[in-house]
Amino acid sequence: MIATTDDARPAAGTASDAGESRVVRLSVNLAPTVAAALKSTAAKKGLSITEAIRHAIAVWKLVVDEQAAGRKVMIVEGQGDSATFREIVLI
């Protein structure tokens, strides 16, 4: 189901940034393990489920945009010569 509703507090990065005051309401189906991961991560950060999903989409978009521009997104552990790197790859 997709429906638009008025929202007094549009999220950053939504169409509201373009001057619109509407948000899109989405219904998604998640596996129980994925839903549990979302809920526990949101709770750790003190976020609502909606806000956690907004954060996840923002990170996903960042990674996709950087990779599309030919750049790598890395996780760096440690510092200096002892640092280790792991590349984030989305397929």
C-alpha atoms as a PDB file:
ATOM      1  CA  MET A   1       0.000   0.000   0.000  1.00  0.00           C
ATOM      2  CA  ILE A   2       1.295   3.455  -0.876  1.00  0.00           C
ATOM      3  CA  ALA A   3      -0.546   6.583   0.183  1.00  0.00           C
ATOM      4  CA  THR A   4       0.449  10.200   0.696  1.00  0.00           C
ATOM      5  CA  THR A   5      -0.394  12.008   3.890  1.00  0.00           C
ATOM      6  CA  ASP A   6       0.363  15.402   5.362  1.00  0.00           C
ATOM      7  CA  ASP A   7       3.173  15.364   7.908  1.00  0.00           C
ATOM      8  CA  ALA A   8       4.114  18.322  10.075  1.00  0.00           C
ATOM      9  CA  ARG A   9       7.707  17.025  10.483  1.00  0.00           C
ATOM     10  CA  PRO A  10       9.065  15.832   7.133  1.00  0.00           C
ATOM     11  CA  ALA A  11      12.342  13.946   7.273  1.00  0.00           C
ATOM     12  CA  ALA A  12      15.561  15.324   5.879  1.00  0.00           C
ATOM     13  CA  GLY A  13      16.255  13.886   2.468  1.00  0.00           C
ATOM     14  CA  THR A  14      12.584  13.488   1.568  1.00  0.00           C
ATOM     15  CA  ALA A  15      10.641  15.274  -1.142  1.00  0.00           C
ATOM     16  CA  SER A  16       9.856  17.869   1.539  1.00  0.00           C
ATOM     17  CA  ASP A  17      13.327  19.273   0.998  1.00  0.00           C
ATOM     18  CA  ALA A  18      12.060  20.385  -2.401  1.00  0.00           C
ATOM     19  CA  GLY A  19       9.312  22.413  -0.730  1.00  0.00           C
ATOM     20  CA  GLU A  20       6.610  19.754  -0.469  1.00  0.00           C
ATOM     21  CA  SER A  21       4.882  19.099   2.844  1.00  0.00           C
ATOM     22  CA  ARG A  22       3.810  15.535   2.126  1.00  0.00           C
ATOM     23  CA  VAL A  23       5.372  12.184   2.894  1.00  0.00           C
ATOM     24  CA  VAL A  24       4.752   8.802   1.350  1.00  0.00           C
ATOM     25  CA  ARG A  25       3.396   6.150   3.679  1.00  0.00           C
ATOM     26  CA  LEU A  26       4.744   2.706   2.826  1.00  0.00           C
ATOM     27  CA  SER A  27       3.948  -0.740   4.091  1.00  0.00           C
ATOM     28  CA  VAL A  28       6.762  -3.286   3.856  1.00  0.00           C
ATOM     29  CA  ASN A  29       7.061  -6.987   4.608  1.00  0.00           C
ATOM     30  CA  LEU A  30      10.182  -8.058   6.500  1.00  0.00           C
ATOM     31  CA  ALA A  31      11.423 -11.426   7.623  1.00  0.00           C
ATOM     32  CA  PRO A  32      11.221 -11.757  11.422  1.00  0.00           C
ATOM     33  CA  THR A  33      15.013 -11.668  11.764  1.00  0.00           C
ATOM     34  CA  VAL A  34      15.240  -8.488   9.691  1.00  0.00           C
ATOM     35  CA  ALA A  35      12.435  -6.842  11.693  1.00  0.00           C
ATOM     36  CA  ALA A  36      14.178  -7.820  14.939  1.00  0.00           C
ATOM     37  CA  ALA A  37      17.480  -6.367  13.690  1.00  0.00           C
ATOM     38  CA  LEU A  38      15.739  -3.128  12.724  1.00  0.00           C
ATOM     39  CA  LYS A  39      13.966  -2.844  16.076  1.00  0.00           C
ATOM     40  CA  SER A  40      17.050  -3.619  18.165  1.00  0.00           C
ATOM     41  CA  THR A  41      19.246  -1.222  16.194  1.00  0.00           C
ATOM     42  CA  ALA A  42      16.635   1.539  16.456  1.00  0.00           C
ATOM     43  CA  ALA A  43      16.349   0.955  20.204  1.00  0.00           C
ATOM     44  CA  LYS A  44      20.139   1.125  20.662  1.00  0.00           C
ATOM     45  CA  LYS A  45      20.158   4.511  18.953  1.00  0.00           C
ATOM     46  CA  GLY A  46      16.970   5.758  20.629  1.00  0.00           C
ATOM     47  CA  LEU A  47      15.155   6.072  17.302  1.00  0.00           C
ATOM     48  CA  SER A  48      11.661   5.265  16.159  1.00  0.00           C
ATOM     49  CA  ILE A  49      11.317   2.567  13.515  1.00  0.00           C
ATOM     50  CA  THR A  50      10.457   5.261  10.958  1.00  0.00           C
ATOM     51  CA  GLU A  51      13.538   7.293  11.803  1.00  0.00           C
ATOM     52  CA  ALA A  52      15.724   4.165  11.743  1.00  0.00           C
ATOM     53  CA  ILE A  53      14.470   3.342   8.250  1.00  0.00           C
ATOM     54  CA  ARG A  54      15.224   6.922   7.139  1.00  0.00           C
ATOM     55  CA  HIS A  55      18.786   6.518   8.444  1.00  0.00           C
ATOM     56  CA  ALA A  56      19.183   3.152   6.710  1.00  0.00           C
ATOM     57  CA  ILE A  57      17.997   4.583   3.402  1.00  0.00           C
ATOM     58  CA  ALA A  58      20.349   7.558   3.746  1.00  0.00           C
ATOM     59  CA  VAL A  59      23.334   5.236   4.318  1.00  0.00           C
ATOM     60  CA  TRP A  60      22.274   2.967   1.457  1.00  0.00           C
ATOM     61  CA  LYS A  61      21.963   5.976  -0.869  1.00  0.00           C
ATOM     62  CA  LEU A  62      25.384   7.277   0.212  1.00  0.00           C
ATOM     63  CA  VAL A  63      27.053   3.937  -0.559  1.00  0.00           C
ATOM     64  CA  VAL A  64      25.258   3.533  -3.899  1.00  0.00           C
ATOM     65  CA  ASP A  65      26.041   7.120  -4.967  1.00  0.00           C
ATOM     66  CA  GLU A  66      29.721   6.845  -4.007  1.00  0.00           C
ATOM     67  CA  GLN A  67      30.115   3.532  -5.812  1.00  0.00           C
ATOM     68  CA  ALA A  68      28.342   4.913  -8.881  1.00  0.00           C
ATOM     69  CA  ALA A  69      30.891   7.748  -8.894  1.00  0.00           C
ATOM     70  CA  GLY A  70      33.701   5.169  -8.935  1.00  0.00           C
ATOM     71  CA  ARG A  71      34.700   5.627  -5.301  1.00  0.00           C
ATOM     72  CA  LYS A  72      35.070   2.959  -2.616  1.00  0.00           C
ATOM     73  CA  VAL A  73      33.365   3.016   0.773  1.00  0.00           C
ATOM     74  CA  MET A  74      35.583   1.499   3.439  1.00  0.00           C
ATOM     75  CA  ILE A  75      35.517   0.422   7.061  1.00  0.00           C
ATOM     76  CA  VAL A  76      38.819   1.294   8.713  1.00  0.00           C
ATOM     77  CA  GLU A  77      39.927  -0.458  11.872  1.00  0.00           C
ATOM     78  CA  GLY A  78      42.939   0.904  13.717  1.00  0.00           C
ATOM     79  CA  GLN A  79      45.252   3.724  12.752  1.00  0.00           C
ATOM     80  CA  GLY A  80      48.435   4.343  10.848  1.00  0.00           C
ATOM     81  CA  ASP A  81      50.438   1.439   9.466  1.00  0.00           C
ATOM     82  CA  SER A  82      48.456  -1.093  11.514  1.00  0.00           C
ATOM     83  CA  ALA A  83      45.103  -0.013  10.068  1.00  0.00           C
ATOM     84  CA  THR A  84      43.061  -2.642   8.270  1.00  0.00           C
ATOM     85  CA  PHE A  85      40.499  -1.860   5.594  1.00  0.00           C
ATOM     86  CA  ARG A  86      37.328  -3.610   4.491  1.00  0.00           C
ATOM     87  CA  GLU A  87      35.425  -2.383   1.469  1.00  0.00           C
ATOM     88  CA  ILE A  88      31.641  -2.117   1.633  1.00  0.00           C
ATOM     89  CA  VAL A  89      30.217  -3.683  -1.534  1.00  0.00           C
ATOM     90  CA  LEU A  90      26.529  -3.623  -2.371  1.00  0.00           C
ATOM     91  CA  ILE A  91      25.404  -5.884  -5.170  1.00  0.00           C
END
